[in-house]
PDB file of N, CA and C in Angstrom:
ATOM      1  N   MET A   1       9.941  18.790 -63.858  1.00  0.00           N
ATOM      2  CA  MET A   1       9.335  19.906 -63.336  1.00  0.00           C
ATOM      3  C   MET A   1       8.232  19.476 -62.481  1.00  0.00           C
ATOM      4  N   GLN A   2       7.648  18.406 -62.909  1.00  0.00           N
ATOM      5  CA  GLN A   2       6.742  17.735 -62.123  1.00  0.00           C
ATOM      6  C   GLN A   2       7.181  17.292 -60.673  1.00  0.00           C
ATOM      7  N   ASP A   3       8.299  16.793 -60.596  1.00  0.00           N
ATOM      8  CA  ASP A   3       8.647  16.267 -59.231  1.00  0.00           C
ATOM      9  C   ASP A   3       9.047  17.514 -58.288  1.00  0.00           C
ATOM     10  N   ASN A   4       9.292  18.547 -58.872  1.00  0.00           N
ATOM     11  CA  ASN A   4       9.686  20.003 -57.994  1.00  0.00           C
ATOM     12  C   ASN A   4       7.991  20.353 -57.751  1.00  0.00           C
ATOM     13  N   LYS A   5       7.014  20.513 -58.385  1.00  0.00           N
ATOM     14  CA  LYS A   5       6.036  20.722 -57.695  1.00  0.00           C
ATOM     15  C   LYS A   5       5.361  20.020 -56.917  1.00  0.00           C
ATOM     16  N   SER A   6       5.535  18.717 -57.094  1.00  0.00           N
ATOM     17  CA  SER A   6       4.977  17.754 -56.064  1.00  0.00           C
ATOM     18  C   SER A   6       5.736  17.873 -54.866  1.00  0.00           C
ATOM     19  N   ASP A   7       7.282  18.182 -54.800  1.00  0.00           N
ATOM     20  CA  ASP A   7       7.888  18.240 -53.617  1.00  0.00           C
ATOM     21  C   ASP A   7       7.647  19.375 -53.041  1.00  0.00           C
ATOM     22  N   SER A   8       7.388  20.463 -53.564  1.00  0.00           N
ATOM     23  CA  SER A   8       7.089  21.578 -52.715  1.00  0.00           C
ATOM     24  C   SER A   8       5.654  21.408 -52.150  1.00  0.00           C
ATOM     25  N   GLU A   9       4.512  20.716 -52.639  1.00  0.00           N
ATOM     26  CA  GLU A   9       3.421  20.820 -52.238  1.00  0.00           C
ATOM     27  C   GLU A   9       3.298  19.793 -50.918  1.00  0.00           C
ATOM     28  N   THR A  10       4.423  18.502 -51.154  1.00  0.00           N
ATOM     29  CA  THR A  10       4.374  17.850 -50.037  1.00  0.00           C
ATOM     30  C   THR A  10       5.043  18.575 -48.720  1.00  0.00           C
ATOM     31  N   GLU A  11       6.094  19.440 -49.062  1.00  0.00           N
ATOM     32  CA  GLU A  11       6.813  20.138 -48.100  1.00  0.00           C
ATOM     33  C   GLU A  11       5.736  21.282 -47.302  1.00  0.00           C
ATOM     34  N   LYS A  12       4.750  21.387 -48.423  1.00  0.00           N
ATOM     35  CA  LYS A  12       3.579  22.358 -47.713  1.00  0.00           C
ATOM     36  C   LYS A  12       2.710  21.730 -46.629  1.00  0.00           C
ATOM     37  N   TRP A  13       2.498  20.410 -47.159  1.00  0.00           N
ATOM     38  CA  TRP A  13       1.584  19.545 -46.422  1.00  0.00           C
ATOM     39  C   TRP A  13       2.327  19.190 -45.361  1.00  0.00           C
ATOM     40  N   ARG A  14       3.464  18.972 -45.318  1.00  0.00           N
ATOM     41  CA  ARG A  14       4.222  18.467 -44.082  1.00  0.00           C
ATOM     42  C   ARG A  14       4.245  19.528 -42.997  1.00  0.00           C
ATOM     43  N   GLU A  15       4.533  20.736 -43.552  1.00  0.00           N
ATOM     44  CA  GLU A  15       4.295  21.727 -42.456  1.00  0.00           C
ATOM     45  C   GLU A  15       3.051  21.935 -41.941  1.00  0.00           C
ATOM     46  N   LYS A  16       1.944  21.606 -42.430  1.00  0.00           N
ATOM     47  CA  LYS A  16       0.707  21.996 -41.996  1.00  0.00           C
ATOM     48  C   LYS A  16       0.254  20.706 -40.929  1.00  0.00           C
ATOM     49  N   GLU A  17       1.098  19.383 -41.662  1.00  0.00           N
ATOM     50  CA  GLU A  17       0.667  18.364 -40.852  1.00  0.00           C
ATOM     51  C   GLU A  17       1.422  18.507 -39.217  1.00  0.00           C
ATOM     52  N   ARG A  18       2.760  19.061 -39.479  1.00  0.00           N
ATOM     53  CA  ARG A  18       3.388  19.102 -38.227  1.00  0.00           C
ATOM     54  C   ARG A  18       2.762  20.063 -37.599  1.00  0.00           C
ATOM     55  N   ASP A  19       2.549  21.419 -37.784  1.00  0.00           N
ATOM     56  CA  ASP A  19       1.692  22.134 -36.717  1.00  0.00           C
ATOM     57  C   ASP A  19       0.460  21.799 -36.317  1.00  0.00           C
ATOM     58  N   ALA A  20      -0.143  20.927 -37.177  1.00  0.00           N
ATOM     59  CA  ALA A  20      -1.671  20.515 -36.654  1.00  0.00           C
ATOM     60  C   ALA A  20      -1.267  19.450 -35.372  1.00  0.00           C
ATOM     61  N   ALA A  21      -0.108  18.509 -35.658  1.00  0.00           N
ATOM     62  CA  ALA A  21       0.356  17.603 -34.885  1.00  0.00           C
ATOM     63  C   ALA A  21       0.502  18.549 -33.421  1.00  0.00           C
ATOM     64  N   ILE A  22       1.515  19.610 -33.617  1.00  0.00           N
ATOM     65  CA  ILE A  22       1.882  20.271 -32.538  1.00  0.00           C
ATOM     66  C   ILE A  22       0.649  20.692 -31.840  1.00  0.00           C
ATOM     67  N   THR A  23      -0.403  21.352 -32.510  1.00  0.00           N
ATOM     68  CA  THR A  23      -1.567  21.810 -31.988  1.00  0.00           C
ATOM     69  C   THR A  23      -2.267  20.574 -31.041  1.00  0.00           C
ATOM     70  N   ILE A  24      -2.367  19.568 -31.678  1.00  0.00           N
ATOM     71  CA  ILE A  24      -3.085  18.618 -30.882  1.00  0.00           C
ATOM     72  C   ILE A  24      -2.538  18.181 -29.670  1.00  0.00           C
ATOM     73  N   GLN A  25      -0.841  17.903 -29.778  1.00  0.00           N
ATOM     74  CA  GLN A  25      -0.297  17.654 -28.631  1.00  0.00           C
ATOM     75  C   GLN A  25      -0.427  18.573 -27.784  1.00  0.00           C
ATOM     76  N   LYS A  26      -0.088  19.891 -27.948  1.00  0.00           N
ATOM     77  CA  LYS A  26      -0.361  21.132 -27.068  1.00  0.00           C
ATOM     78  C   LYS A  26      -1.764  20.997 -26.043  1.00  0.00           C
ATOM     79  N   ASN A  27      -2.796  21.095 -27.069  1.00  0.00           N
ATOM     80  CA  ASN A  27      -4.067  20.920 -26.403  1.00  0.00           C
ATOM     81  C   ASN A  27      -4.153  19.707 -25.390  1.00  0.00           C
ATOM     82  N   TRP A  28      -3.822  18.440 -25.931  1.00  0.00           N
ATOM     83  CA  TRP A  28      -3.956  17.316 -24.994  1.00  0.00           C
ATOM     84  C   TRP A  28      -3.079  17.379 -23.832  1.00  0.00           C
ATOM     85  N   ARG A  29      -1.819  17.937 -23.704  1.00  0.00           N
ATOM     86  CA  ARG A  29      -1.023  18.064 -22.650  1.00  0.00           C
ATOM     87  C   ARG A  29      -1.537  19.124 -21.943  1.00  0.00           C
ATOM     88  N   MET A  30      -2.331  20.131 -22.275  1.00  0.00           N
ATOM     89  CA  MET A  30      -3.254  21.282 -21.422  1.00  0.00           C
ATOM     90  C   MET A  30      -4.391  20.428 -20.864  1.00  0.00           C
ATOM     91  N   LEU A  31      -4.766  19.772 -21.561  1.00  0.00           N
ATOM     92  CA  LEU A  31      -6.057  19.239 -20.929  1.00  0.00           C
ATOM     93  C   LEU A  31      -5.909  18.465 -19.811  1.00  0.00           C
ATOM     94  N   LYS A  32      -4.629  17.576 -20.163  1.00  0.00           N
ATOM     95  CA  LYS A  32      -4.103  16.712 -19.050  1.00  0.00           C
ATOM     96  C   LYS A  32      -3.873  17.442 -17.430  1.00  0.00           C
ATOM     97  N   VAL A  33      -2.964  18.389 -18.014  1.00  0.00           N
ATOM     98  CA  VAL A  33      -2.690  19.435 -16.852  1.00  0.00           C
ATOM     99  C   VAL A  33      -3.856  19.850 -16.107  1.00  0.00           C
ATOM    100  N   LYS A  34      -4.860  20.356 -17.082  1.00  0.00           N
ATOM    101  CA  LYS A  34      -6.278  20.955 -16.401  1.00  0.00           C
ATOM    102  C   LYS A  34      -6.922  20.108 -15.644  1.00  0.00           C
ATOM    103  N   TRP A  35      -7.103  18.467 -16.049  1.00  0.00           N
ATOM    104  CA  TRP A  35      -7.539  17.536 -15.310  1.00  0.00           C
ATOM    105  C   TRP A  35      -6.898  17.462 -13.963  1.00  0.00           C
ATOM    106  N   ASN A  36      -5.675  17.298 -14.010  1.00  0.00           N
ATOM    107  CA  ASN A  36      -4.668  17.015 -12.692  1.00  0.00           C
ATOM    108  C   ASN A  36      -5.069  18.142 -11.665  1.00  0.00           C
ATOM    109  N   TYR A  37      -4.984  19.353 -12.263  1.00  0.00           N
ATOM    110  CA  TYR A  37      -5.108  20.497 -11.622  1.00  0.00           C
ATOM    111  C   TYR A  37      -6.423  20.394 -10.708  1.00  0.00           C
ATOM    112  N   HIS A  38      -7.544  20.275 -11.229  1.00  0.00           N
ATOM    113  CA  HIS A  38      -9.024  20.002 -11.074  1.00  0.00           C
ATOM    114  C   HIS A  38      -8.917  19.076  -9.833  1.00  0.00           C
ATOM    115  N   THR A  39      -8.317  17.933 -10.078  1.00  0.00           N
ATOM    116  CA  THR A  39      -8.512  16.574  -9.351  1.00  0.00           C
ATOM    117  C   THR A  39      -7.704  17.269  -7.805  1.00  0.00           C
ATOM    118  N   ILE A  40      -6.523  17.828  -8.071  1.00  0.00           N
ATOM    119  CA  ILE A  40      -6.121  18.419  -6.982  1.00  0.00           C
ATOM    120  C   ILE A  40      -6.748  19.285  -5.939  1.00  0.00           C
ATOM    121  N   LEU A  41      -7.403  20.076  -6.755  1.00  0.00           N
ATOM    122  CA  LEU A  41      -8.140  21.208  -6.093  1.00  0.00           C
ATOM    123  C   LEU A  41      -9.408  20.674  -5.598  1.00  0.00           C
ATOM    124  N   LYS A  42      -9.936  19.864  -6.143  1.00  0.00           N
ATOM    125  CA  LYS A  42     -10.895  18.969  -5.510  1.00  0.00           C
ATOM    126  C   LYS A  42     -10.647  18.284  -4.315  1.00  0.00           C
ATOM    127  N   SER A  43      -9.579  17.648  -4.256  1.00  0.00           N
ATOM    128  CA  SER A  43      -8.959  17.004  -3.018  1.00  0.00           C
ATOM    129  C   SER A  43      -8.720  17.983  -1.834  1.00  0.00           C
ATOM    130  N   CYS A  44      -8.201  19.037  -2.250  1.00  0.00           N
ATOM    131  CA  CYS A  44      -7.776  20.062  -1.250  1.00  0.00           C
ATOM    132  C   CYS A  44      -8.921  20.709  -0.581  1.00  0.00           C
ATOM    133  N   ARG A  45     -10.105  20.687  -1.423  1.00  0.00           N
ATOM    134  CA  ARG A  45     -11.414  21.177  -0.889  1.00  0.00           C
ATOM    135  C   ARG A  45     -11.899  20.351  -0.166  1.00  0.00           C
ATOM    136  N   LEU A  46     -12.000  18.980  -0.334  1.00  0.00           N
ATOM    137  CA  LEU A  46     -12.306  17.958   0.483  1.00  0.00           C
ATOM    138  C   LEU A  46     -11.375  17.967   1.906  1.00  0.00           C
ATOM    139  N   ILE A  47     -10.377  17.933   1.664  1.00  0.00           N
ATOM    140  CA  ILE A  47      -9.594  17.805   2.884  1.00  0.00           C
ATOM    141  C   ILE A  47     -10.020  19.168   3.863  1.00  0.00           C
ATOM    142  N   GLN A  48     -10.107  20.232   2.973  1.00  0.00           N
ATOM    143  CA  GLN A  48     -10.411  21.632   4.227  1.00  0.00           C
ATOM    144  C   GLN A  48     -11.995  21.466   4.645  1.00  0.00           C
ATOM    145  N   ARG A  49     -12.707  20.942   3.832  1.00  0.00           N
ATOM    146  CA  ARG A  49     -13.949  20.743   4.331  1.00  0.00           C
ATOM    147  C   ARG A  49     -14.259  19.675   5.629  1.00  0.00           C
ATOM    148  N   VAL A  50     -13.547  18.628   5.467  1.00  0.00           N
ATOM    149  CA  VAL A  50     -13.605  17.761   6.616  1.00  0.00           C
ATOM    150  C   VAL A  50     -13.087  18.227   7.674  1.00  0.00           C
ATOM    151  N   TYR A  51     -11.634  18.732   7.441  1.00  0.00           N
ATOM    152  CA  TYR A  51     -10.806  19.331   8.471  1.00  0.00           C
ATOM    153  C   TYR A  51     -11.951  20.386   9.256  1.00  0.00           C
ATOM    154  N   ARG A  52     -12.141  21.329   8.622  1.00  0.00           N
ATOM    155  CA  ARG A  52     -13.001  22.428   9.312  1.00  0.00           C
ATOM    156  C   ARG A  52     -14.331  21.840   9.945  1.00  0.00           C
ATOM    157  N   GLY A  53     -14.991  20.683   9.452  1.00  0.00           N
ATOM    158  CA  GLY A  53     -15.995  19.870  10.195  1.00  0.00           C
ATOM    159  C   GLY A  53     -15.716  19.439  11.391  1.00  0.00           C
ATOM    160  N   TYR A  54     -14.687  18.905  11.378  1.00  0.00           N
ATOM    161  CA  TYR A  54     -14.358  18.243  12.516  1.00  0.00           C
ATOM    162  C   TYR A  54     -13.915  18.992  13.471  1.00  0.00           C
ATOM    163  N   HIS A  55     -12.981  20.035  12.866  1.00  0.00           N
ATOM    164  CA  HIS A  55     -12.418  20.842  13.868  1.00  0.00           C
ATOM    165  C   HIS A  55     -14.106  21.718  14.597  1.00  0.00           C
ATOM    166  N   LYS A  56     -14.669  22.029  13.603  1.00  0.00           N
ATOM    167  CA  LYS A  56     -15.884  23.198  14.346  1.00  0.00           C
ATOM    168  C   LYS A  56     -16.560  22.007  15.226  1.00  0.00           C
ATOM    169  N   GLY A  57     -16.756  20.723  14.909  1.00  0.00           N
ATOM    170  CA  GLY A  57     -17.519  20.046  15.834  1.00  0.00           C
ATOM    171  C   GLY A  57     -17.096  19.734  17.137  1.00  0.00           C
ATOM    172  N   ARG A  58     -15.506  19.689  16.976  1.00  0.00           N
ATOM    173  CA  ARG A  58     -14.968  19.395  18.377  1.00  0.00           C
ATOM    174  C   ARG A  58     -15.198  20.871  19.464  1.00  0.00           C
ATOM    175  N   MET A  59     -14.965  22.056  18.432  1.00  0.00           N
ATOM    176  CA  MET A  59     -15.127  23.023  19.223  1.00  0.00           C
ATOM    177  C   MET A  59     -16.467  23.184  19.958  1.00  0.00           C
ATOM    178  N   VAL A  60     -17.416  22.799  19.311  1.00  0.00           N
ATOM    179  CA  VAL A  60     -18.857  22.802  19.686  1.00  0.00           C
ATOM    180  C   VAL A  60     -19.076  21.943  20.851  1.00  0.00           C
ATOM    181  N   PHE A  61     -18.485  20.825  20.845  1.00  0.00           N
ATOM    182  CA  PHE A  61     -18.408  19.744  21.777  1.00  0.00           C
ATOM    183  C   PHE A  61     -17.791  19.964  23.166  1.00  0.00           C
ATOM    184  N   PHE A  62     -16.737  20.879  22.831  1.00  0.00           N
ATOM    185  CA  PHE A  62     -16.130  21.273  24.094  1.00  0.00           C
ATOM    186  C   PHE A  62     -16.483  22.586  24.666  1.00  0.00           C
ATOM    187  N   HIS A  63     -17.111  23.379  24.037  1.00  0.00           N
ATOM    188  CA  HIS A  63     -17.501  24.337  24.332  1.00  0.00           C
ATOM    189  C   HIS A  63     -19.066  24.071  25.394  1.00  0.00           C
ATOM    190  N   LYS A  64     -19.888  23.186  24.713  1.00  0.00           N
ATOM    191  CA  LYS A  64     -21.095  22.568  25.538  1.00  0.00           C
ATOM    192  C   LYS A  64     -20.503  22.144  26.569  1.00  0.00           C
ATOM    193  N   LYS A  65     -19.285  21.115  26.818  1.00  0.00           N
ATOM    194  CA  LYS A  65     -19.119  20.329  27.709  1.00  0.00           C
ATOM    195  C   LYS A  65     -18.464  21.229  28.912  1.00  0.00           C
ATOM    196  N   GLU A  66     -17.997  22.533  28.490  1.00  0.00           N
ATOM    197  CA  GLU A  66     -17.315  23.331  29.399  1.00  0.00           C
ATOM    198  C   GLU A  66     -18.457  24.076  29.986  1.00  0.00           C
ATOM    199  N   GLU A  67     -19.627  24.600  29.087  1.00  0.00           N
ATOM    200  CA  GLU A  67     -20.721  25.220  29.907  1.00  0.00           C
ATOM    201  C   GLU A  67     -21.374  24.100  30.799  1.00  0.00           C
ATOM    202  N   LEU A  68     -21.403  22.893  30.489  1.00  0.00           N
ATOM    203  CA  LEU A  68     -22.378  21.886  31.369  1.00  0.00           C
ATOM    204  C   LEU A  68     -21.410  21.734  32.843  1.00  0.00           C
ATOM    205  N   SER A  69     -20.197  21.842  32.409  1.00  0.00           N
ATOM    206  CA  SER A  69     -19.159  21.547  33.721  1.00  0.00           C
ATOM    207  C   SER A  69     -19.315  23.029  34.457  1.00  0.00           C
ATOM    208  N   GLU A  70     -19.489  24.057  33.918  1.00  0.00           N
ATOM    209  CA  GLU A  70     -19.667  25.290  34.544  1.00  0.00           C
ATOM    210  C   GLU A  70     -20.863  25.415  35.516  1.00  0.00           C
ATOM    211  N   SER A  71     -22.005  25.105  34.865  1.00  0.00           N
ATOM    212  CA  SER A  71     -23.257  25.099  35.264  1.00  0.00           C
ATOM    213  C   SER A  71     -23.422  23.710  36.407  1.00  0.00           C
ATOM    214  N   HIS A  72     -22.718  22.951  36.430  1.00  0.00           N
ATOM    215  CA  HIS A  72     -22.836  21.843  37.626  1.00  0.00           C
ATOM    216  C   HIS A  72     -22.014  22.710  38.617  1.00  0.00           C
ATOM    217  N   GLN A  73     -20.807  23.075  38.487  1.00  0.00           N
ATOM    218  CA  GLN A  73     -19.874  23.839  39.596  1.00  0.00           C
ATOM    219  C   GLN A  73     -20.950  24.914  40.199  1.00  0.00           C
ATOM    220  N   MET A  74     -21.319  25.654  39.255  1.00  0.00           N
ATOM    221  CA  MET A  74     -22.280  26.883  39.733  1.00  0.00           C
ATOM    222  C   MET A  74     -23.561  26.337  40.590  1.00  0.00           C
ATOM    223  N   ALA A  75     -23.749  25.297  40.234  1.00  0.00           N
ATOM    224  CA  ALA A  75     -25.108  24.515  41.213  1.00  0.00           C
ATOM    225  C   ALA A  75     -24.450  24.106  42.337  1.00  0.00           C
ATOM    226  N   PHE A  76     -23.370  23.401  42.234  1.00  0.00           N
ATOM    227  CA  PHE A  76     -22.652  22.938  43.595  1.00  0.00           C
ATOM    228  C   PHE A  76     -22.457  24.161  44.419  1.00  0.00           C
ATOM    229  N   TYR A  77     -21.861  24.983  43.958  1.00  0.00           N
ATOM    230  CA  TYR A  77     -21.547  26.310  44.565  1.00  0.00           C
ATOM    231  C   TYR A  77     -22.664  27.044  45.510  1.00  0.00           C
ATOM    232  N   HIS A  78     -23.907  27.111  44.676  1.00  0.00           N
ATOM    233  CA  HIS A  78     -25.163  27.667  45.229  1.00  0.00           C
ATOM    234  C   HIS A  78     -25.267  26.906  46.309  1.00  0.00           C
ATOM    235  N   GLU A  79     -25.641  25.552  46.288  1.00  0.00           N
ATOM    236  CA  GLU A  79     -26.153  24.438  47.227  1.00  0.00           C
ATOM    237  C   GLU A  79     -25.008  24.628  48.429  1.00  0.00           C
ATOM    238  N   MET A  80     -23.743  24.865  48.356  1.00  0.00           N
ATOM    239  CA  MET A  80     -22.988  24.812  49.577  1.00  0.00           C
ATOM    240  C   MET A  80     -23.181  26.427  50.141  1.00  0.00           C
ATOM    241  N   ALA A  81     -23.592  27.353  49.471  1.00  0.00           N
ATOM    242  CA  ALA A  81     -23.818  28.605  49.910  1.00  0.00           C
ATOM    243  C   ALA A  81     -24.981  28.720  50.709  1.00  0.00           C
ATOM    244  N   LYS A  82     -26.049  27.800  50.351  1.00  0.00           N
ATOM    245  CA  LYS A  82     -27.489  27.495  51.120  1.00  0.00           C
ATOM    246  C   LYS A  82     -27.067  27.029  52.352  1.00  0.00           C
ATOM    247  N   ILE A  83     -26.032  26.045  52.376  1.00  0.00           N
ATOM    248  CA  ILE A  83     -25.830  25.395  53.605  1.00  0.00           C
ATOM    249  C   ILE A  83     -25.287  26.309  54.530  1.00  0.00           C
ATOM    250  N   ILE A  84     -24.167  26.819  54.004  1.00  0.00           N
ATOM    251  CA  ILE A  84     -23.522  27.937  54.741  1.00  0.00           C
ATOM    252  C   ILE A  84     -24.257  29.170  55.250  1.00  0.00           C
ATOM    253  N   GLN A  85     -25.155  29.553  54.697  1.00  0.00           N
ATOM    254  CA  GLN A  85     -26.171  30.526  55.315  1.00  0.00           C
ATOM    255  C   GLN A  85     -27.182  30.113  56.102  1.00  0.00           C
ATOM    256  N   LYS A  86     -27.240  28.793  56.317  1.00  0.00           N
ATOM    257  CA  LYS A  86     -28.475  28.293  57.214  1.00  0.00           C
ATOM    258  C   LYS A  86     -27.995  28.485  58.477  1.00  0.00           C
TER     259      LYS A  86
END
């Protein structure tokens, strides 16, 4: 009789330990996936930020270069117009 009682308690605890182990493993795996996801997300944001920064910087540079070139051309045309009008 004593053996039957201890066996049933052992089985009861074994089930609890198994459930606890499964819960720990589930949470650990979830945490690892979450860390990996956040690492990938941070990397994507860094790539986007750098690309957008460089792209925006290049666009500002090219627009300023075009404006400068256009102002030089207009100055040249105005000088040529003055010479023609004399």
